[in-house]
Each structure stands twice: as C-alpha cells, then as structure tokens.
C-alpha cells in the first residue's frame, strides 16, 4: 500500500520543546529537517495589503501584542515577537509569503496554503496569492484549502488548473458529491470523519484525495497509514515520518 504524505501542520509546530513556533520560518525549516513531504500554513492580509503567514485572525495567542492582523501594517507586525508558543526560540518574526517562497527555492516540499477567509473576508487574497505563486513558478507544488469554500471557488475561477482541497468539519454533508461539484481534487476531514466506515473508499472512488487533519496521536497515525489516506497533517512530522515509513517502535502499545 502506498504510504501517505507527511505534511507539517503550521510547520513542525508541536507543543513540546523539540518543535518550533507555528507558522514561522523556524517551524518550516524544522519540518524540512524532520523529512516532512510538505508544509501546511495559513495566509492573511496586513493593513497595507501584504500577505503574511499566521493562523489566528487575532495575534494575541502567538505574539507579544494584541489585536487583529488586518489592523497592523507589515512593518508593525515585523516588530512583534511571534514566538510566544515556544519562547525558548527567542524573538521570532512573522513571515511573509514572499519570504517563504524564496526559501522554497532550495527544497522540494509540497505546500498546502490555507486561505483564512472564514472570519474575515480579505478582498483579493485569492488573486494576490495566486499571482505570487505564479511569479515564483510554484504552481505544481501548491494545494489551496479553506473552510470558506467561496474562496476556493474563486481560486478555480481565476485559475481552473489550480488544485483545491475542501476543509470540512464534523457537520459536513454530501461527501463526496459536493467536493466533486466544486472541482476539488481533495477533501480535508478531521480524524473523526476520516474514521467513519467507508468514508475514505467513497472519496477515492470519486477521485478525491483524502488528507486528514490534525493527526498527532501516534496510534491515529498508524490507523491512517493502514487505511490508505493520501496525506496526514500533523504538528509532529518526526513521529509521522517514522510511522509512515513503517517504524512503529515509537508507538507505546500496538493497536490491532
């Protein structure tokens, strides 16, 4: 059976000290060092229209300041410390999408770009992101995802060749027909949905890849590998890499 891809969720962003501040260059570099196949990250727009990589619409949890990403200029955000989750790393800058793309020239990682337009709809975020991907020639390495499916519809309108993956939650219905109607190439379910009887098989029959979030429990990693999912999003790419490669020694007990 083909082993799943390991995609580092917000980079190698786990909660213990062997990982790094989420959605930062330090986390992406660590994901590469841990032999992840790809990275997942979130994009939003600053007050002056720059694309930055950050998950929460407010910066309170991950930085030393408070407020909304949309209310600060890039220069202001660059002066803040985005290493709050892992203070052992010291001062950590918020990265721009441009900065990440320059770094991507030196590796072959796949990218899942999540458009954070669920709470705040950033005008032209889709256009700006697609254009920057085009400028760097990274079209074949990018999968776009979002909980806001209007954003994904807009991505397909601008570039019909772009690959999109629909993020879904517990209440998602009409799978796999709804994603197929939006010309999605993938579905991104949580662990609980992926484990429902027949879910993975139905998606595969419909031509959809199944990329599951966020798989941090080692026994779940093993289950996903044996169930034939296409990729797992994980905060712990080092653990997932070993298990995806067939090394179950890090699992505390064997689950049949």
C-alpha atoms as a PDB file:
ATOM      1  CA  UNK A   1       0.000   0.000   0.000  1.00  0.00           C
ATOM      2  CA  UNK A   2       1.228   3.481  -0.846  1.00  0.00           C
ATOM      3  CA  UNK A   3       2.324   5.341   2.259  1.00  0.00           C
ATOM      4  CA  UNK A   4       0.732   8.733   2.962  1.00  0.00           C
ATOM      5  CA  UNK A   5       2.488  12.045   2.569  1.00  0.00           C
ATOM      6  CA  UNK A   6       3.509  13.745   5.813  1.00  0.00           C
ATOM      7  CA  UNK A   7       2.589  17.435   5.846  1.00  0.00           C
ATOM      8  CA  UNK A   8       3.782  19.537   8.761  1.00  0.00           C
ATOM      9  CA  UNK A   9       0.798  21.475  10.132  1.00  0.00           C
ATOM     10  CA  UNK A  10       1.899  25.112  10.504  1.00  0.00           C
ATOM     11  CA  UNK A  11       5.385  23.678  10.169  1.00  0.00           C
ATOM     12  CA  UNK A  12       6.841  21.455  12.877  1.00  0.00           C
ATOM     13  CA  UNK A  13       4.688  23.179  15.480  1.00  0.00           C
ATOM     14  CA  UNK A  14       4.141  20.610  18.245  1.00  0.00           C
ATOM     15  CA  UNK A  15       3.786  21.744  21.831  1.00  0.00           C
ATOM     16  CA  UNK A  16       6.922  20.302  23.406  1.00  0.00           C
ATOM     17  CA  UNK A  17      10.408  21.752  23.151  1.00  0.00           C
ATOM     18  CA  UNK A  18      11.584  19.704  20.196  1.00  0.00           C
ATOM     19  CA  UNK A  19       9.351  21.750  17.881  1.00  0.00           C
ATOM     20  CA  UNK A  20       9.176  25.423  16.879  1.00  0.00           C
ATOM     21  CA  UNK A  21       6.840  28.473  16.852  1.00  0.00           C
ATOM     22  CA  UNK A  22       3.965  27.729  14.484  1.00  0.00           C
ATOM     23  CA  UNK A  23       3.787  29.277  11.010  1.00  0.00           C
ATOM     24  CA  UNK A  24       7.309  30.689  11.211  1.00  0.00           C
ATOM     25  CA  UNK A  25      10.431  30.071   9.169  1.00  0.00           C
ATOM     26  CA  UNK A  26      11.885  28.224  12.157  1.00  0.00           C
ATOM     27  CA  UNK A  27       8.977  25.769  12.086  1.00  0.00           C
ATOM     28  CA  UNK A  28       9.214  25.278   8.330  1.00  0.00           C
ATOM     29  CA  UNK A  29      12.949  24.647   8.487  1.00  0.00           C
ATOM     30  CA  UNK A  30      12.435  22.130  11.283  1.00  0.00           C
ATOM     31  CA  UNK A  31       9.766  20.374   9.198  1.00  0.00           C
ATOM     32  CA  UNK A  32      12.296  20.040   6.392  1.00  0.00           C
ATOM     33  CA  UNK A  33      14.923  18.753   8.824  1.00  0.00           C
ATOM     34  CA  UNK A  34      12.392  16.164  10.067  1.00  0.00           C
ATOM     35  CA  UNK A  35      11.905  14.947   6.479  1.00  0.00           C
ATOM     36  CA  UNK A  36       8.304  16.064   6.020  1.00  0.00           C
ATOM     37  CA  UNK A  37       6.952  15.803   2.492  1.00  0.00           C
ATOM     38  CA  UNK A  38       5.165  19.118   2.718  1.00  0.00           C
ATOM     39  CA  UNK A  39       4.105  22.013   4.892  1.00  0.00           C
ATOM     40  CA  UNK A  40       0.693  23.486   5.675  1.00  0.00           C
ATOM     41  CA  UNK A  41       0.313  27.157   6.543  1.00  0.00           C
ATOM     42  CA  UNK A  42      -2.260  29.946   6.707  1.00  0.00           C
ATOM     43  CA  UNK A  43      -2.310  33.270   4.862  1.00  0.00           C
ATOM     44  CA  UNK A  44      -3.932  36.597   5.713  1.00  0.00           C
ATOM     45  CA  UNK A  45      -3.521  40.222   4.623  1.00  0.00           C
ATOM     46  CA  UNK A  46      -1.984  43.071   6.588  1.00  0.00           C
ATOM     47  CA  UNK A  47      -3.480  46.555   6.735  1.00  0.00           C
ATOM     48  CA  UNK A  48      -1.228  47.563   3.819  1.00  0.00           C
ATOM     49  CA  UNK A  49      -2.135  44.519   1.716  1.00  0.00           C
ATOM     50  CA  UNK A  50       0.884  42.268   2.304  1.00  0.00           C
ATOM     51  CA  UNK A  51       0.403  38.500   2.543  1.00  0.00           C
ATOM     52  CA  UNK A  52       1.601  37.164   5.901  1.00  0.00           C
ATOM     53  CA  UNK A  53       1.629  33.663   7.316  1.00  0.00           C
ATOM     54  CA  UNK A  54      -0.333  33.385  10.551  1.00  0.00           C
ATOM     55  CA  UNK A  55      -3.222  31.212  11.734  1.00  0.00           C
ATOM     56  CA  UNK A  56      -5.373  33.254  14.112  1.00  0.00           C
ATOM     57  CA  UNK A  57      -7.109  36.392  12.896  1.00  0.00           C
ATOM     58  CA  UNK A  58      -6.002  37.955  16.181  1.00  0.00           C
ATOM     59  CA  UNK A  59      -2.339  37.923  17.160  1.00  0.00           C
ATOM     60  CA  UNK A  60      -2.927  37.565  20.927  1.00  0.00           C
ATOM     61  CA  UNK A  61      -2.096  33.856  21.264  1.00  0.00           C
ATOM     62  CA  UNK A  62       1.079  33.696  19.206  1.00  0.00           C
ATOM     63  CA  UNK A  63       2.651  37.147  19.662  1.00  0.00           C
ATOM     64  CA  UNK A  64       3.592  39.572  22.423  1.00  0.00           C
ATOM     65  CA  UNK A  65       0.913  42.061  21.314  1.00  0.00           C
ATOM     66  CA  UNK A  66      -2.869  42.145  20.930  1.00  0.00           C
ATOM     67  CA  UNK A  67      -5.229  42.925  18.065  1.00  0.00           C
ATOM     68  CA  UNK A  68      -6.277  41.874  14.597  1.00  0.00           C
ATOM     69  CA  UNK A  69      -3.809  41.024  11.843  1.00  0.00           C
ATOM     70  CA  UNK A  70      -5.807  43.218   9.441  1.00  0.00           C
ATOM     71  CA  UNK A  71      -5.283  46.304  11.631  1.00  0.00           C
ATOM     72  CA  UNK A  72      -1.476  46.308  11.506  1.00  0.00           C
ATOM     73  CA  UNK A  73       0.960  47.163   8.737  1.00  0.00           C
ATOM     74  CA  UNK A  74       3.664  44.684   7.814  1.00  0.00           C
ATOM     75  CA  UNK A  75       6.272  46.943   9.394  1.00  0.00           C
ATOM     76  CA  UNK A  76       4.350  46.963  12.661  1.00  0.00           C
ATOM     77  CA  UNK A  77       3.900  43.183  12.664  1.00  0.00           C
ATOM     78  CA  UNK A  78       7.605  42.647  11.966  1.00  0.00           C
ATOM     79  CA  UNK A  79       8.441  44.423  15.217  1.00  0.00           C
ATOM     80  CA  UNK A  80       6.405  41.932  17.251  1.00  0.00           C
ATOM     81  CA  UNK A  81       7.608  38.605  18.649  1.00  0.00           C
ATOM     82  CA  UNK A  82       5.630  35.701  17.163  1.00  0.00           C
ATOM     83  CA  UNK A  83       7.407  33.100  19.286  1.00  0.00           C
ATOM     84  CA  UNK A  84       5.056  33.081  22.255  1.00  0.00           C
ATOM     85  CA  UNK A  85       4.174  29.386  21.944  1.00  0.00           C
ATOM     86  CA  UNK A  86       7.877  28.443  22.020  1.00  0.00           C
ATOM     87  CA  UNK A  87       9.635  31.238  23.960  1.00  0.00           C
ATOM     88  CA  UNK A  88      12.842  29.205  24.052  1.00  0.00           C
ATOM     89  CA  UNK A  89      13.413  30.340  20.448  1.00  0.00           C
ATOM     90  CA  UNK A  90      13.594  33.996  21.431  1.00  0.00           C
ATOM     91  CA  UNK A  91      12.428  36.735  19.091  1.00  0.00           C
ATOM     92  CA  UNK A  92      10.657  35.253  16.068  1.00  0.00           C
ATOM     93  CA  UNK A  93       9.355  37.242  13.107  1.00  0.00           C
ATOM     94  CA  UNK A  94       6.068  36.754  11.325  1.00  0.00           C
ATOM     95  CA  UNK A  95       6.984  35.580   7.798  1.00  0.00           C
ATOM     96  CA  UNK A  96       5.601  36.938   4.558  1.00  0.00           C
ATOM     97  CA  UNK A  97       4.548  34.598   1.774  1.00  0.00           C
ATOM     98  CA  UNK A  98       7.295  36.110  -0.364  1.00  0.00           C
ATOM     99  CA  UNK A  99       9.933  35.224   2.227  1.00  0.00           C
ATOM    100  CA  UNK A 100       8.692  31.663   2.397  1.00  0.00           C
ATOM    101  CA  UNK A 101       8.701  31.314  -1.381  1.00  0.00           C
ATOM    102  CA  UNK A 102      12.342  32.429  -1.582  1.00  0.00           C
ATOM    103  CA  UNK A 103      13.173  29.702   0.951  1.00  0.00           C
ATOM    104  CA  UNK A 104      11.145  27.160  -1.037  1.00  0.00           C
ATOM    105  CA  UNK A 105      13.566  27.533  -3.952  1.00  0.00           C
ATOM    106  CA  UNK A 106      16.024  25.374  -2.023  1.00  0.00           C
ATOM    107  CA  UNK A 107      13.773  22.367  -1.385  1.00  0.00           C
ATOM    108  CA  UNK A 108      11.033  20.286  -2.977  1.00  0.00           C
ATOM    109  CA  UNK A 109       8.368  20.457  -0.289  1.00  0.00           C
ATOM    110  CA  UNK A 110       4.696  20.429  -1.220  1.00  0.00           C
ATOM    111  CA  UNK A 111       2.697  23.386   0.095  1.00  0.00           C
ATOM    112  CA  UNK A 112      -0.861  23.476   1.363  1.00  0.00           C
ATOM    113  CA  UNK A 113      -1.899  27.119   1.501  1.00  0.00           C
ATOM    114  CA  UNK A 114      -4.935  27.678   3.693  1.00  0.00           C
ATOM    115  CA  UNK A 115      -6.792  30.889   2.914  1.00  0.00           C
ATOM    116  CA  UNK A 116      -8.004  32.314   6.238  1.00  0.00           C
ATOM    117  CA  UNK A 117     -11.181  33.909   4.958  1.00  0.00           C
ATOM    118  CA  UNK A 118     -13.685  32.221   7.242  1.00  0.00           C
ATOM    119  CA  UNK A 119     -13.988  35.008   9.809  1.00  0.00           C
ATOM    120  CA  UNK A 120     -12.675  37.943   7.790  1.00  0.00           C
ATOM    121  CA  UNK A 121     -13.026  38.028   4.037  1.00  0.00           C
ATOM    122  CA  UNK A 122      -9.835  39.651   2.790  1.00  0.00           C
ATOM    123  CA  UNK A 123     -10.506  41.319  -0.593  1.00  0.00           C
ATOM    124  CA  UNK A 124      -8.244  39.959  -3.334  1.00  0.00           C
ATOM    125  CA  UNK A 125      -6.399  37.495  -1.082  1.00  0.00           C
ATOM    126  CA  UNK A 126      -7.068  34.766  -3.649  1.00  0.00           C
ATOM    127  CA  UNK A 127      -5.779  36.888  -6.539  1.00  0.00           C
ATOM    128  CA  UNK A 128      -2.695  38.055  -4.660  1.00  0.00           C
ATOM    129  CA  UNK A 129      -1.799  34.539  -3.536  1.00  0.00           C
ATOM    130  CA  UNK A 130      -2.219  33.004  -6.980  1.00  0.00           C
ATOM    131  CA  UNK A 131      -0.161  35.761  -8.577  1.00  0.00           C
ATOM    132  CA  UNK A 132       2.709  35.312  -6.133  1.00  0.00           C
ATOM    133  CA  UNK A 133       2.679  31.559  -6.698  1.00  0.00           C
ATOM    134  CA  UNK A 134       2.825  32.228 -10.451  1.00  0.00           C
ATOM    135  CA  UNK A 135       5.711  34.680 -10.102  1.00  0.00           C
ATOM    136  CA  UNK A 136       7.798  32.092  -8.267  1.00  0.00           C
ATOM    137  CA  UNK A 137       6.819  29.270 -10.627  1.00  0.00           C
ATOM    138  CA  UNK A 138       5.436  27.111  -7.816  1.00  0.00           C
ATOM    139  CA  UNK A 139       2.074  26.173  -9.342  1.00  0.00           C
ATOM    140  CA  UNK A 140       2.862  22.441  -9.407  1.00  0.00           C
ATOM    141  CA  UNK A 141       3.750  22.374  -5.715  1.00  0.00           C
ATOM    142  CA  UNK A 142       0.679  24.073  -4.243  1.00  0.00           C
ATOM    143  CA  UNK A 143      -2.678  22.837  -2.987  1.00  0.00           C
ATOM    144  CA  UNK A 144      -5.134  25.519  -1.826  1.00  0.00           C
ATOM    145  CA  UNK A 145      -7.547  24.866   1.030  1.00  0.00           C
ATOM    146  CA  UNK A 146     -10.055  26.802   3.105  1.00  0.00           C
ATOM    147  CA  UNK A 147     -13.109  26.408   5.301  1.00  0.00           C
ATOM    148  CA  UNK A 148     -14.566  29.209   3.189  1.00  0.00           C
ATOM    149  CA  UNK A 149     -15.495  27.352   0.029  1.00  0.00           C
ATOM    150  CA  UNK A 150     -16.336  30.586  -1.755  1.00  0.00           C
ATOM    151  CA  UNK A 151     -12.611  31.343  -1.607  1.00  0.00           C
ATOM    152  CA  UNK A 152     -11.847  28.017  -3.235  1.00  0.00           C
ATOM    153  CA  UNK A 153     -14.494  28.645  -5.879  1.00  0.00           C
ATOM    154  CA  UNK A 154     -12.788  31.969  -6.575  1.00  0.00           C
ATOM    155  CA  UNK A 155      -9.415  30.230  -6.878  1.00  0.00           C
ATOM    156  CA  UNK A 156     -10.845  27.924  -9.560  1.00  0.00           C
ATOM    157  CA  UNK A 157     -12.424  30.862 -11.391  1.00  0.00           C
ATOM    158  CA  UNK A 158      -9.091  32.646 -11.595  1.00  0.00           C
ATOM    159  CA  UNK A 159      -7.032  29.558 -12.379  1.00  0.00           C
ATOM    160  CA  UNK A 160      -9.015  26.454 -13.401  1.00  0.00           C
ATOM    161  CA  UNK A 161      -5.813  24.378 -13.195  1.00  0.00           C
ATOM    162  CA  UNK A 162      -5.261  25.185  -9.520  1.00  0.00           C
ATOM    163  CA  UNK A 163      -5.754  22.268  -7.145  1.00  0.00           C
ATOM    164  CA  UNK A 164      -8.101  22.806  -4.222  1.00  0.00           C
ATOM    165  CA  UNK A 165      -8.843  20.772  -1.101  1.00  0.00           C
ATOM    166  CA  UNK A 166     -12.045  21.364   0.847  1.00  0.00           C
ATOM    167  CA  UNK A 167     -11.579  21.642   4.591  1.00  0.00           C
ATOM    168  CA  UNK A 168     -14.542  20.158   6.409  1.00  0.00           C
ATOM    169  CA  UNK A 169     -15.713  19.755   9.973  1.00  0.00           C
ATOM    170  CA  UNK A 170     -17.972  17.370  11.852  1.00  0.00           C
ATOM    171  CA  UNK A 171     -21.175  18.676  10.252  1.00  0.00           C
ATOM    172  CA  UNK A 172     -20.086  18.325   6.623  1.00  0.00           C
ATOM    173  CA  UNK A 173     -22.583  16.512   4.398  1.00  0.00           C
ATOM    174  CA  UNK A 174     -22.892  15.196   0.846  1.00  0.00           C
ATOM    175  CA  UNK A 175     -19.397  13.834   0.607  1.00  0.00           C
ATOM    176  CA  UNK A 176     -18.010  13.095  -1.921  1.00  0.00           C
ATOM    177  CA  UNK A 177     -20.521  14.699  -4.320  1.00  0.00           C
ATOM    178  CA  UNK A 178     -20.264  18.265  -3.044  1.00  0.00           C
ATOM    179  CA  UNK A 179     -16.430  18.481  -3.320  1.00  0.00           C
ATOM    180  CA  UNK A 180     -16.578  16.925  -6.786  1.00  0.00           C
ATOM    181  CA  UNK A 181     -19.095  19.542  -7.909  1.00  0.00           C
ATOM    182  CA  UNK A 182     -16.643  22.269  -6.900  1.00  0.00           C
ATOM    183  CA  UNK A 183     -13.927  20.528  -8.943  1.00  0.00           C
ATOM    184  CA  UNK A 184     -11.933  19.842  -5.819  1.00  0.00           C
ATOM    185  CA  UNK A 185      -9.037  17.425  -6.062  1.00  0.00           C
ATOM    186  CA  UNK A 186      -9.025  16.646  -2.342  1.00  0.00           C
ATOM    187  CA  UNK A 187     -11.074  16.596   0.839  1.00  0.00           C
ATOM    188  CA  UNK A 188      -9.529  17.531   4.194  1.00  0.00           C
ATOM    189  CA  UNK A 189     -11.536  15.903   7.007  1.00  0.00           C
ATOM    190  CA  UNK A 190     -10.763  15.750  10.727  1.00  0.00           C
ATOM    191  CA  UNK A 191      -9.696  12.427  12.199  1.00  0.00           C
ATOM    192  CA  UNK A 192     -13.197  11.539  13.414  1.00  0.00           C
ATOM    193  CA  UNK A 193     -14.734  11.945   9.951  1.00  0.00           C
ATOM    194  CA  UNK A 194     -11.937  10.053   8.210  1.00  0.00           C
ATOM    195  CA  UNK A 195     -12.563   7.088  10.514  1.00  0.00           C
ATOM    196  CA  UNK A 196     -16.221   6.728   9.539  1.00  0.00           C
ATOM    197  CA  UNK A 197     -16.922   3.452   7.796  1.00  0.00           C
ATOM    198  CA  UNK A 198     -16.493   3.696   4.044  1.00  0.00           C
ATOM    199  CA  UNK A 199     -15.551   7.387   4.023  1.00  0.00           C
ATOM    200  CA  UNK A 200     -12.061   7.019   2.563  1.00  0.00           C
ATOM    201  CA  UNK A 201     -13.184   4.470  -0.021  1.00  0.00           C
ATOM    202  CA  UNK A 202     -16.086   6.669  -1.219  1.00  0.00           C
ATOM    203  CA  UNK A 203     -13.786   9.656  -1.644  1.00  0.00           C
ATOM    204  CA  UNK A 204     -11.213   7.636  -3.561  1.00  0.00           C
ATOM    205  CA  UNK A 205     -13.876   6.216  -5.877  1.00  0.00           C
ATOM    206  CA  UNK A 206     -14.936   9.814  -6.607  1.00  0.00           C
ATOM    207  CA  UNK A 207     -11.347  10.727  -7.475  1.00  0.00           C
ATOM    208  CA  UNK A 208     -10.699  12.733  -4.316  1.00  0.00           C
ATOM    209  CA  UNK A 209      -7.523  12.560  -2.277  1.00  0.00           C
ATOM    210  CA  UNK A 210      -8.094  12.305   1.468  1.00  0.00           C
ATOM    211  CA  UNK A 211      -5.776  14.491   3.554  1.00  0.00           C
ATOM    212  CA  UNK A 212      -6.600  14.263   7.260  1.00  0.00           C
ATOM    213  CA  UNK A 213      -6.116  16.882   9.983  1.00  0.00           C
ATOM    214  CA  UNK A 214      -4.665  17.168  12.600  1.00  0.00           C
ATOM    215  CA  UNK A 215      -3.130  13.756  13.288  1.00  0.00           C
ATOM    216  CA  UNK A 216      -0.890  13.962  16.355  1.00  0.00           C
ATOM    217  CA  UNK A 217      -1.792  10.772  18.240  1.00  0.00           C
ATOM    218  CA  UNK A 218       0.636   8.038  17.207  1.00  0.00           C
ATOM    219  CA  UNK A 219      -1.998   5.307  17.088  1.00  0.00           C
ATOM    220  CA  UNK A 220      -4.095   7.523  14.796  1.00  0.00           C
ATOM    221  CA  UNK A 221      -1.082   7.991  12.543  1.00  0.00           C
ATOM    222  CA  UNK A 222      -0.773   4.222  12.243  1.00  0.00           C
ATOM    223  CA  UNK A 223      -4.508   3.865  11.546  1.00  0.00           C
ATOM    224  CA  UNK A 224      -4.375   6.474   8.779  1.00  0.00           C
ATOM    225  CA  UNK A 225      -1.399   4.786   7.158  1.00  0.00           C
ATOM    226  CA  UNK A 226      -3.126   1.413   7.143  1.00  0.00           C
ATOM    227  CA  UNK A 227      -6.424   2.926   5.942  1.00  0.00           C
ATOM    228  CA  UNK A 228      -4.789   4.359   2.837  1.00  0.00           C
ATOM    229  CA  UNK A 229      -5.207   8.098   3.303  1.00  0.00           C
ATOM    230  CA  UNK A 230      -3.211  10.248   0.921  1.00  0.00           C
ATOM    231  CA  UNK A 231      -1.695  12.666   3.420  1.00  0.00           C
ATOM    232  CA  UNK A 232      -1.767  13.470   7.101  1.00  0.00           C
ATOM    233  CA  UNK A 233      -1.460  16.960   8.530  1.00  0.00           C
ATOM    234  CA  UNK A 234       0.472  16.763  11.779  1.00  0.00           C
ATOM    235  CA  UNK A 235       2.167  19.026  14.305  1.00  0.00           C
ATOM    236  CA  UNK A 236       4.705  16.233  14.857  1.00  0.00           C
ATOM    237  CA  UNK A 237       6.224  15.366  11.470  1.00  0.00           C
ATOM    238  CA  UNK A 238       9.101  13.442  13.026  1.00  0.00           C
ATOM    239  CA  UNK A 239       6.703  10.930  14.586  1.00  0.00           C
ATOM    240  CA  UNK A 240       4.564  10.737  11.448  1.00  0.00           C
ATOM    241  CA  UNK A 241       7.639  10.225   9.255  1.00  0.00           C
ATOM    242  CA  UNK A 242       8.725   7.176  11.239  1.00  0.00           C
ATOM    243  CA  UNK A 243       5.259   5.639  11.325  1.00  0.00           C
ATOM    244  CA  UNK A 244       4.572   6.336   7.636  1.00  0.00           C
ATOM    245  CA  UNK A 245       7.874   4.622   6.853  1.00  0.00           C
ATOM    246  CA  UNK A 246       6.749   1.554   8.814  1.00  0.00           C
ATOM    247  CA  UNK A 247       8.621   2.151  12.073  1.00  0.00           C
ATOM    248  CA  UNK A 248       6.081   1.509  14.846  1.00  0.00           C
ATOM    249  CA  UNK A 249       8.642   1.390  17.656  1.00  0.00           C
ATOM    250  CA  UNK A 250       7.643   4.845  18.906  1.00  0.00           C
ATOM    251  CA  UNK A 251       4.034   3.737  19.477  1.00  0.00           C
ATOM    252  CA  UNK A 252       3.660   2.955  23.210  1.00  0.00           C
ATOM    253  CA  UNK A 253       1.465  -0.071  22.540  1.00  0.00           C
ATOM    254  CA  UNK A 254       0.296  -1.953  19.491  1.00  0.00           C
ATOM    255  CA  UNK A 255      -3.303  -1.474  18.402  1.00  0.00           C
ATOM    256  CA  UNK A 256      -4.847  -4.131  16.180  1.00  0.00           C
END
